[in-house]
């Protein structure tokens, strides 16, 4: 499995990357353009990365949702749709949309998650401080899908200490596949992400550009933003339980004890 995926794979098409549960697509619609689909056997979260759109569906209608110009301009709108939904999206303005699909057998109500509904957490400390916006957290009424977005200030670390979630051992850890979809606030910027297992069976270090995606089927997966470049990534997760329980790499867990303050640049976006 190639862990670093370019946008040509998932823009305007659905790609599952060989994951058991997750698939993903990004669609950019010009004002007035539309996209129609029916989902069978999957649940779907449509995350408005930027722009305003209207959605009509077999389970409800949501006119003119969205508002932020880009991911760095505010909190998200996210629309959750259950399996069996037919829907159409019409772009009221130019739109940038992420479609997070997850295999599902349970039925849960469709729901629009507005910026007022988003849970904001400031996690970590020092130069590993980051902002987590929870749109579909574990307690959200869905079958498997969990969706959050993370903002990491320039030059800082995220997903640190390195952690993993590839063993079903609740409540300590659960087995989740994960997608990291990246945006960077300047087009020439980059991040560096590592994905590795304790036995180094997987040991990949990747330079990630704006619009690329990293797959985390297993192992530890820290990331760092290049100096001068603010970093965003959208996480979709699914697996053995609706939980974000994870285990730190024991070689690096000690750094938590060194954090005595938060980075004042965080939170990076607000409602």
C-alpha atoms as a PDB file:
ATOM      1  CA  UNK A   1       0.000   0.000   0.000  1.00  0.00           C
ATOM      2  CA  UNK A   2       1.363   3.407  -0.975  1.00  0.00           C
ATOM      3  CA  UNK A   3       0.845   5.634   2.060  1.00  0.00           C
ATOM      4  CA  UNK A   4       1.236   9.014   0.298  1.00  0.00           C
ATOM      5  CA  UNK A   5      -1.550   9.650  -2.230  1.00  0.00           C
ATOM      6  CA  UNK A   6      -1.751  12.494  -4.730  1.00  0.00           C
ATOM      7  CA  UNK A   7      -4.984  14.324  -5.534  1.00  0.00           C
ATOM      8  CA  UNK A   8      -5.273  12.714  -8.958  1.00  0.00           C
ATOM      9  CA  UNK A   9      -6.434   9.544  -7.173  1.00  0.00           C
ATOM     10  CA  UNK A  10      -9.341  10.972  -5.190  1.00  0.00           C
ATOM     11  CA  UNK A  11     -10.410  14.278  -6.731  1.00  0.00           C
ATOM     12  CA  UNK A  12     -13.832  13.886  -8.388  1.00  0.00           C
ATOM     13  CA  UNK A  13     -13.833  10.140  -7.775  1.00  0.00           C
ATOM     14  CA  UNK A  14     -14.224   7.818  -4.805  1.00  0.00           C
ATOM     15  CA  UNK A  15     -11.062   6.028  -3.695  1.00  0.00           C
ATOM     16  CA  UNK A  16     -10.923   3.421  -0.922  1.00  0.00           C
ATOM     17  CA  UNK A  17      -7.125   2.828  -0.953  1.00  0.00           C
ATOM     18  CA  UNK A  18      -7.622  -0.788   0.104  1.00  0.00           C
ATOM     19  CA  UNK A  19      -9.021   0.151   3.516  1.00  0.00           C
ATOM     20  CA  UNK A  20     -11.668  -2.108   5.031  1.00  0.00           C
ATOM     21  CA  UNK A  21     -14.106   0.667   5.900  1.00  0.00           C
ATOM     22  CA  UNK A  22     -13.004   4.095   4.646  1.00  0.00           C
ATOM     23  CA  UNK A  23     -13.128   5.767   1.258  1.00  0.00           C
ATOM     24  CA  UNK A  24     -12.716   9.403   0.280  1.00  0.00           C
ATOM     25  CA  UNK A  25     -13.182  12.000  -2.445  1.00  0.00           C
ATOM     26  CA  UNK A  26     -12.682  15.738  -2.901  1.00  0.00           C
ATOM     27  CA  UNK A  27     -14.863  17.711  -5.287  1.00  0.00           C
ATOM     28  CA  UNK A  28     -14.454  21.329  -6.313  1.00  0.00           C
ATOM     29  CA  UNK A  29     -17.603  22.803  -7.818  1.00  0.00           C
ATOM     30  CA  UNK A  30     -17.814  26.179  -9.523  1.00  0.00           C
ATOM     31  CA  UNK A  31     -20.809  28.343  -8.624  1.00  0.00           C
ATOM     32  CA  UNK A  32     -23.895  26.835 -10.252  1.00  0.00           C
ATOM     33  CA  UNK A  33     -22.382  23.370 -10.746  1.00  0.00           C
ATOM     34  CA  UNK A  34     -23.926  20.324  -9.131  1.00  0.00           C
ATOM     35  CA  UNK A  35     -23.121  16.771  -8.098  1.00  0.00           C
ATOM     36  CA  UNK A  36     -25.651  13.974  -7.639  1.00  0.00           C
ATOM     37  CA  UNK A  37     -25.220  10.515  -6.139  1.00  0.00           C
ATOM     38  CA  UNK A  38     -26.867   7.720  -4.163  1.00  0.00           C
ATOM     39  CA  UNK A  39     -25.012   5.957  -1.361  1.00  0.00           C
ATOM     40  CA  UNK A  40     -25.653   2.298  -0.624  1.00  0.00           C
ATOM     41  CA  UNK A  41     -24.015   0.408   2.202  1.00  0.00           C
ATOM     42  CA  UNK A  42     -22.043   3.437   3.378  1.00  0.00           C
ATOM     43  CA  UNK A  43     -22.549   6.462   5.589  1.00  0.00           C
ATOM     44  CA  UNK A  44     -21.201   9.805   4.396  1.00  0.00           C
ATOM     45  CA  UNK A  45     -19.900  13.020   5.922  1.00  0.00           C
ATOM     46  CA  UNK A  46     -19.658  15.969   3.536  1.00  0.00           C
ATOM     47  CA  UNK A  47     -17.222  18.499   4.997  1.00  0.00           C
ATOM     48  CA  UNK A  48     -17.324  22.009   3.560  1.00  0.00           C
ATOM     49  CA  UNK A  49     -13.688  22.944   3.237  1.00  0.00           C
ATOM     50  CA  UNK A  50     -14.759  26.221   1.641  1.00  0.00           C
ATOM     51  CA  UNK A  51     -17.748  27.903   0.029  1.00  0.00           C
ATOM     52  CA  UNK A  52     -21.528  27.679   0.289  1.00  0.00           C
ATOM     53  CA  UNK A  53     -23.747  24.956  -1.177  1.00  0.00           C
ATOM     54  CA  UNK A  54     -27.301  23.645  -0.999  1.00  0.00           C
ATOM     55  CA  UNK A  55     -28.152  19.969  -0.538  1.00  0.00           C
ATOM     56  CA  UNK A  56     -31.397  18.217  -1.443  1.00  0.00           C
ATOM     57  CA  UNK A  57     -31.801  14.593  -0.463  1.00  0.00           C
ATOM     58  CA  UNK A  58     -34.206  11.754   0.199  1.00  0.00           C
ATOM     59  CA  UNK A  59     -33.748  12.391   3.936  1.00  0.00           C
ATOM     60  CA  UNK A  60     -33.990  16.205   4.023  1.00  0.00           C
ATOM     61  CA  UNK A  61     -32.922  19.468   2.442  1.00  0.00           C
ATOM     62  CA  UNK A  62     -30.286  21.931   3.653  1.00  0.00           C
ATOM     63  CA  UNK A  63     -30.150  25.236   1.754  1.00  0.00           C
ATOM     64  CA  UNK A  64     -27.069  27.470   1.705  1.00  0.00           C
ATOM     65  CA  UNK A  65     -24.791  25.691   4.149  1.00  0.00           C
ATOM     66  CA  UNK A  66     -21.169  26.646   4.653  1.00  0.00           C
ATOM     67  CA  UNK A  67     -19.495  30.031   4.781  1.00  0.00           C
ATOM     68  CA  UNK A  68     -15.754  29.864   5.359  1.00  0.00           C
ATOM     69  CA  UNK A  69     -13.691  30.782   2.310  1.00  0.00           C
ATOM     70  CA  UNK A  70     -11.065  28.146   3.125  1.00  0.00           C
ATOM     71  CA  UNK A  71     -10.205  25.833   5.983  1.00  0.00           C
ATOM     72  CA  UNK A  72      -8.115  28.602   7.564  1.00  0.00           C
ATOM     73  CA  UNK A  73     -11.048  31.039   7.699  1.00  0.00           C
ATOM     74  CA  UNK A  74     -13.364  29.509  10.290  1.00  0.00           C
ATOM     75  CA  UNK A  75     -15.116  26.459  11.658  1.00  0.00           C
ATOM     76  CA  UNK A  76     -16.708  23.865   9.371  1.00  0.00           C
ATOM     77  CA  UNK A  77     -20.175  22.823   8.343  1.00  0.00           C
ATOM     78  CA  UNK A  78     -20.465  19.031   8.025  1.00  0.00           C
ATOM     79  CA  UNK A  79     -23.478  17.110   6.706  1.00  0.00           C
ATOM     80  CA  UNK A  80     -23.956  13.504   7.827  1.00  0.00           C
ATOM     81  CA  UNK A  81     -26.023  11.236   5.543  1.00  0.00           C
ATOM     82  CA  UNK A  82     -27.012   7.631   6.340  1.00  0.00           C
ATOM     83  CA  UNK A  83     -26.847   4.604   4.026  1.00  0.00           C
ATOM     84  CA  UNK A  84     -29.422   4.522   1.235  1.00  0.00           C
ATOM     85  CA  UNK A  85     -29.549   8.313   0.784  1.00  0.00           C
ATOM     86  CA  UNK A  86     -29.994   9.908  -2.630  1.00  0.00           C
ATOM     87  CA  UNK A  87     -28.709  13.471  -2.733  1.00  0.00           C
ATOM     88  CA  UNK A  88     -27.675  16.382  -4.911  1.00  0.00           C
ATOM     89  CA  UNK A  89     -25.295  19.217  -4.082  1.00  0.00           C
ATOM     90  CA  UNK A  90     -25.560  22.573  -5.857  1.00  0.00           C
ATOM     91  CA  UNK A  91     -22.766  25.112  -5.418  1.00  0.00           C
ATOM     92  CA  UNK A  92     -24.150  28.523  -4.449  1.00  0.00           C
ATOM     93  CA  UNK A  93     -20.581  29.851  -4.592  1.00  0.00           C
ATOM     94  CA  UNK A  94     -17.375  28.145  -5.682  1.00  0.00           C
ATOM     95  CA  UNK A  95     -17.168  25.144  -3.340  1.00  0.00           C
ATOM     96  CA  UNK A  96     -14.449  22.886  -2.017  1.00  0.00           C
ATOM     97  CA  UNK A  97     -15.965  19.704  -0.561  1.00  0.00           C
ATOM     98  CA  UNK A  98     -14.548  16.610   1.120  1.00  0.00           C
ATOM     99  CA  UNK A  99     -16.612  13.407   1.015  1.00  0.00           C
ATOM    100  CA  UNK A 100     -15.752  10.931   3.790  1.00  0.00           C
ATOM    101  CA  UNK A 101     -17.400   7.537   3.188  1.00  0.00           C
ATOM    102  CA  UNK A 102     -17.543   4.625   5.611  1.00  0.00           C
ATOM    103  CA  UNK A 103     -18.981   1.130   5.342  1.00  0.00           C
ATOM    104  CA  UNK A 104     -22.138   1.027   7.482  1.00  0.00           C
ATOM    105  CA  UNK A 105     -25.054  -1.263   8.215  1.00  0.00           C
ATOM    106  CA  UNK A 106     -26.786   0.777  10.917  1.00  0.00           C
ATOM    107  CA  UNK A 107     -29.200   3.597  10.175  1.00  0.00           C
ATOM    108  CA  UNK A 108     -28.826   6.922  11.978  1.00  0.00           C
ATOM    109  CA  UNK A 109     -30.600  10.219  11.292  1.00  0.00           C
ATOM    110  CA  UNK A 110     -29.167  12.686   8.825  1.00  0.00           C
ATOM    111  CA  UNK A 111     -27.789  15.735  10.601  1.00  0.00           C
ATOM    112  CA  UNK A 112     -26.148  19.030   9.761  1.00  0.00           C
ATOM    113  CA  UNK A 113     -23.275  19.849  12.113  1.00  0.00           C
ATOM    114  CA  UNK A 114     -22.872  23.636  12.213  1.00  0.00           C
ATOM    115  CA  UNK A 115     -19.921  25.644  13.568  1.00  0.00           C
ATOM    116  CA  UNK A 116     -21.876  26.095  16.808  1.00  0.00           C
ATOM    117  CA  UNK A 117     -21.961  22.290  17.190  1.00  0.00           C
ATOM    118  CA  UNK A 118     -18.244  21.746  16.659  1.00  0.00           C
ATOM    119  CA  UNK A 119     -16.276  20.699  19.717  1.00  0.00           C
ATOM    120  CA  UNK A 120     -12.934  22.519  20.010  1.00  0.00           C
ATOM    121  CA  UNK A 121     -10.049  21.023  21.970  1.00  0.00           C
ATOM    122  CA  UNK A 122      -6.559  22.435  22.475  1.00  0.00           C
ATOM    123  CA  UNK A 123      -4.307  19.429  22.763  1.00  0.00           C
ATOM    124  CA  UNK A 124      -0.623  18.975  23.573  1.00  0.00           C
ATOM    125  CA  UNK A 125       1.721  21.724  24.704  1.00  0.00           C
ATOM    126  CA  UNK A 126       4.792  23.730  23.752  1.00  0.00           C
ATOM    127  CA  UNK A 127       5.604  23.271  20.076  1.00  0.00           C
ATOM    128  CA  UNK A 128       3.265  20.284  19.958  1.00  0.00           C
ATOM    129  CA  UNK A 129       0.149  22.382  20.648  1.00  0.00           C
ATOM    130  CA  UNK A 130      -2.663  21.951  18.140  1.00  0.00           C
ATOM    131  CA  UNK A 131      -6.375  22.626  17.723  1.00  0.00           C
ATOM    132  CA  UNK A 132      -8.806  19.750  17.169  1.00  0.00           C
ATOM    133  CA  UNK A 133     -12.266  20.486  15.811  1.00  0.00           C
ATOM    134  CA  UNK A 134     -14.624  17.529  16.321  1.00  0.00           C
ATOM    135  CA  UNK A 135     -17.462  17.289  13.806  1.00  0.00           C
ATOM    136  CA  UNK A 136     -18.332  13.591  14.106  1.00  0.00           C
ATOM    137  CA  UNK A 137     -16.751  12.569  17.441  1.00  0.00           C
ATOM    138  CA  UNK A 138     -17.177   9.066  18.888  1.00  0.00           C
ATOM    139  CA  UNK A 139     -20.401  10.056  20.648  1.00  0.00           C
ATOM    140  CA  UNK A 140     -21.994  11.290  17.397  1.00  0.00           C
ATOM    141  CA  UNK A 141     -24.878   8.991  16.339  1.00  0.00           C
ATOM    142  CA  UNK A 142     -23.300   7.152  13.403  1.00  0.00           C
ATOM    143  CA  UNK A 143     -22.299   3.557  12.787  1.00  0.00           C
ATOM    144  CA  UNK A 144     -18.519   3.733  12.400  1.00  0.00           C
ATOM    145  CA  UNK A 145     -17.406   7.044  10.940  1.00  0.00           C
ATOM    146  CA  UNK A 146     -15.429   9.555  13.038  1.00  0.00           C
ATOM    147  CA  UNK A 147     -14.384  12.909  11.514  1.00  0.00           C
ATOM    148  CA  UNK A 148     -12.231  15.677  12.996  1.00  0.00           C
ATOM    149  CA  UNK A 149      -9.998  18.411  11.622  1.00  0.00           C
ATOM    150  CA  UNK A 150      -6.692  19.536  13.118  1.00  0.00           C
ATOM    151  CA  UNK A 151      -4.799  22.839  12.896  1.00  0.00           C
ATOM    152  CA  UNK A 152      -1.082  22.893  13.637  1.00  0.00           C
ATOM    153  CA  UNK A 153       0.803  26.213  13.739  1.00  0.00           C
ATOM    154  CA  UNK A 154       3.857  26.746  11.578  1.00  0.00           C
ATOM    155  CA  UNK A 155       6.970  24.887  12.713  1.00  0.00           C
ATOM    156  CA  UNK A 156       5.095  22.754  15.258  1.00  0.00           C
ATOM    157  CA  UNK A 157       4.438  19.062  15.744  1.00  0.00           C
ATOM    158  CA  UNK A 158       1.103  17.286  15.696  1.00  0.00           C
ATOM    159  CA  UNK A 159      -0.068  13.778  16.560  1.00  0.00           C
ATOM    160  CA  UNK A 160       2.770  13.892  19.087  1.00  0.00           C
ATOM    161  CA  UNK A 161       3.945  11.990  21.061  1.00  0.00           C
ATOM    162  CA  UNK A 162       3.654   9.453  18.253  1.00  0.00           C
ATOM    163  CA  UNK A 163       0.569   7.354  18.898  1.00  0.00           C
ATOM    164  CA  UNK A 164      -1.104   4.357  17.308  1.00  0.00           C
ATOM    165  CA  UNK A 165      -4.527   2.739  17.223  1.00  0.00           C
ATOM    166  CA  UNK A 166      -4.115  -0.644  15.530  1.00  0.00           C
ATOM    167  CA  UNK A 167      -5.026  -3.146  18.276  1.00  0.00           C
ATOM    168  CA  UNK A 168      -8.507  -3.762  19.645  1.00  0.00           C
ATOM    169  CA  UNK A 169      -7.834  -3.535  23.379  1.00  0.00           C
ATOM    170  CA  UNK A 170     -10.482  -1.177  24.791  1.00  0.00           C
ATOM    171  CA  UNK A 171     -10.538   1.044  26.692  1.00  0.00           C
ATOM    172  CA  UNK A 172      -6.778   1.544  26.183  1.00  0.00           C
ATOM    173  CA  UNK A 173      -6.700   1.294  22.398  1.00  0.00           C
ATOM    174  CA  UNK A 174      -8.957   0.383  19.459  1.00  0.00           C
ATOM    175  CA  UNK A 175      -8.148  -0.634  15.894  1.00  0.00           C
ATOM    176  CA  UNK A 176      -8.778   2.262  13.473  1.00  0.00           C
ATOM    177  CA  UNK A 177      -7.819   2.984   9.902  1.00  0.00           C
ATOM    178  CA  UNK A 178      -7.188   6.701   9.379  1.00  0.00           C
ATOM    179  CA  UNK A 179      -6.900   9.220   6.571  1.00  0.00           C
ATOM    180  CA  UNK A 180      -4.954  12.497   6.814  1.00  0.00           C
ATOM    181  CA  UNK A 181      -6.044  14.952   4.099  1.00  0.00           C
ATOM    182  CA  UNK A 182      -3.799  18.020   4.015  1.00  0.00           C
ATOM    183  CA  UNK A 183      -4.148  21.703   3.297  1.00  0.00           C
ATOM    184  CA  UNK A 184      -1.351  24.268   3.793  1.00  0.00           C
ATOM    185  CA  UNK A 185      -1.902  28.017   3.988  1.00  0.00           C
ATOM    186  CA  UNK A 186       0.585  28.781   1.187  1.00  0.00           C
ATOM    187  CA  UNK A 187       0.803  26.610  -1.936  1.00  0.00           C
ATOM    188  CA  UNK A 188       4.571  26.029  -1.777  1.00  0.00           C
ATOM    189  CA  UNK A 189       4.431  24.823   1.835  1.00  0.00           C
ATOM    190  CA  UNK A 190       4.875  21.284   3.070  1.00  0.00           C
ATOM    191  CA  UNK A 191       4.696  19.007   6.083  1.00  0.00           C
ATOM    192  CA  UNK A 192       6.631  15.889   7.001  1.00  0.00           C
ATOM    193  CA  UNK A 193       4.764  12.844   8.268  1.00  0.00           C
ATOM    194  CA  UNK A 194       6.184   9.568   9.509  1.00  0.00           C
ATOM    195  CA  UNK A 195       4.289   6.275   9.726  1.00  0.00           C
ATOM    196  CA  UNK A 196       6.101   3.428  11.447  1.00  0.00           C
ATOM    197  CA  UNK A 197       5.503   0.246  13.419  1.00  0.00           C
ATOM    198  CA  UNK A 198       7.503  -0.775  16.470  1.00  0.00           C
ATOM    199  CA  UNK A 199       9.219  -3.553  14.504  1.00  0.00           C
ATOM    200  CA  UNK A 200       9.870  -1.134  11.575  1.00  0.00           C
ATOM    201  CA  UNK A 201       7.954  -3.413   9.229  1.00  0.00           C
ATOM    202  CA  UNK A 202       6.459  -0.080   8.158  1.00  0.00           C
ATOM    203  CA  UNK A 203       8.914   2.813   8.368  1.00  0.00           C
ATOM    204  CA  UNK A 204       7.963   5.632   5.991  1.00  0.00           C
ATOM    205  CA  UNK A 205       8.878   9.332   6.122  1.00  0.00           C
ATOM    206  CA  UNK A 206       6.919  11.457   3.638  1.00  0.00           C
ATOM    207  CA  UNK A 207       7.037  15.054   2.442  1.00  0.00           C
ATOM    208  CA  UNK A 208       3.390  16.074   2.148  1.00  0.00           C
ATOM    209  CA  UNK A 209       2.136  18.927  -0.031  1.00  0.00           C
ATOM    210  CA  UNK A 210      -1.126  20.854  -0.101  1.00  0.00           C
ATOM    211  CA  UNK A 211      -3.973  18.629  -1.316  1.00  0.00           C
ATOM    212  CA  UNK A 212      -2.207  15.329  -0.677  1.00  0.00           C
ATOM    213  CA  UNK A 213      -3.352  12.535   1.565  1.00  0.00           C
ATOM    214  CA  UNK A 214      -1.576  10.106   3.896  1.00  0.00           C
ATOM    215  CA  UNK A 215      -2.981   6.683   4.761  1.00  0.00           C
ATOM    216  CA  UNK A 216      -2.483   5.220   8.227  1.00  0.00           C
ATOM    217  CA  UNK A 217      -3.462   1.538   8.189  1.00  0.00           C
ATOM    218  CA  UNK A 218      -1.434   0.857  11.351  1.00  0.00           C
ATOM    219  CA  UNK A 219       1.508   2.154  13.348  1.00  0.00           C
ATOM    220  CA  UNK A 220       2.602   5.433  14.902  1.00  0.00           C
ATOM    221  CA  UNK A 221       2.091   8.560  12.771  1.00  0.00           C
ATOM    222  CA  UNK A 222       3.508  11.944  13.939  1.00  0.00           C
ATOM    223  CA  UNK A 223       3.618  15.007  11.669  1.00  0.00           C
ATOM    224  CA  UNK A 224       5.442  18.361  11.678  1.00  0.00           C
ATOM    225  CA  UNK A 225       4.609  21.589   9.832  1.00  0.00           C
ATOM    226  CA  UNK A 226       7.383  23.380   7.952  1.00  0.00           C
ATOM    227  CA  UNK A 227       8.578  26.618   9.519  1.00  0.00           C
ATOM    228  CA  UNK A 228       6.430  29.514   8.285  1.00  0.00           C
ATOM    229  CA  UNK A 229       3.521  27.354   7.077  1.00  0.00           C
ATOM    230  CA  UNK A 230       0.323  26.732   9.012  1.00  0.00           C
ATOM    231  CA  UNK A 231      -1.015  23.225   8.578  1.00  0.00           C
ATOM    232  CA  UNK A 232      -4.509  21.742   8.337  1.00  0.00           C
ATOM    233  CA  UNK A 233      -5.516  18.133   8.043  1.00  0.00           C
ATOM    234  CA  UNK A 234      -8.872  16.415   7.925  1.00  0.00           C
ATOM    235  CA  UNK A 235      -9.008  13.051   9.693  1.00  0.00           C
ATOM    236  CA  UNK A 236     -11.519  10.343   8.854  1.00  0.00           C
ATOM    237  CA  UNK A 237     -11.330   7.230  11.034  1.00  0.00           C
ATOM    238  CA  UNK A 238     -13.205   3.948  11.345  1.00  0.00           C
ATOM    239  CA  UNK A 239     -12.590   0.517  12.762  1.00  0.00           C
ATOM    240  CA  UNK A 240     -13.313  -1.828  15.619  1.00  0.00           C
ATOM    241  CA  UNK A 241     -15.116   0.661  17.910  1.00  0.00           C
ATOM    242  CA  UNK A 242     -16.374   4.237  18.021  1.00  0.00           C
ATOM    243  CA  UNK A 243     -13.471   5.462  20.109  1.00  0.00           C
ATOM    244  CA  UNK A 244     -10.291   7.462  19.662  1.00  0.00           C
ATOM    245  CA  UNK A 245      -8.383   5.449  22.277  1.00  0.00           C
ATOM    246  CA  UNK A 246      -4.705   5.270  21.283  1.00  0.00           C
ATOM    247  CA  UNK A 247      -1.343   4.247  22.717  1.00  0.00           C
ATOM    248  CA  UNK A 248       1.758   6.449  22.788  1.00  0.00           C
ATOM    249  CA  UNK A 249       5.078   5.159  21.543  1.00  0.00           C
ATOM    250  CA  UNK A 250       6.726   4.392  24.917  1.00  0.00           C
ATOM    251  CA  UNK A 251      10.048   5.775  23.661  1.00  0.00           C
ATOM    252  CA  UNK A 252       8.534   9.255  23.363  1.00  0.00           C
ATOM    253  CA  UNK A 253       5.737   9.364  25.935  1.00  0.00           C
ATOM    254  CA  UNK A 254       8.044  11.184  28.387  1.00  0.00           C
ATOM    255  CA  UNK A 255       7.766  14.446  26.426  1.00  0.00           C
ATOM    256  CA  UNK A 256       4.276  15.009  27.856  1.00  0.00           C
ATOM    257  CA  UNK A 257       5.877  15.801  31.220  1.00  0.00           C
ATOM    258  CA  UNK A 258       7.835  18.694  29.664  1.00  0.00           C
ATOM    259  CA  UNK A 259       4.779  20.635  28.523  1.00  0.00           C
ATOM    260  CA  UNK A 260       4.215  23.553  30.894  1.00  0.00           C
ATOM    261  CA  UNK A 261       2.379  25.923  28.547  1.00  0.00           C
ATOM    262  CA  UNK A 262       0.279  26.066  25.382  1.00  0.00           C
ATOM    263  CA  UNK A 263       1.333  27.771  22.175  1.00  0.00           C
ATOM    264  CA  UNK A 264      -0.429  31.196  22.201  1.00  0.00           C
ATOM    265  CA  UNK A 265      -1.087  30.916  18.467  1.00  0.00           C
ATOM    266  CA  UNK A 266      -3.688  28.255  19.199  1.00  0.00           C
ATOM    267  CA  UNK A 267      -6.655  28.256  18.669  1.00  0.00           C
ATOM    268  CA  UNK A 268      -5.931  29.139  15.057  1.00  0.00           C
ATOM    269  CA  UNK A 269      -9.566  29.402  13.894  1.00  0.00           C
ATOM    270  CA  UNK A 270     -12.737  30.322  15.723  1.00  0.00           C
ATOM    271  CA  UNK A 271     -16.413  30.505  14.906  1.00  0.00           C
END
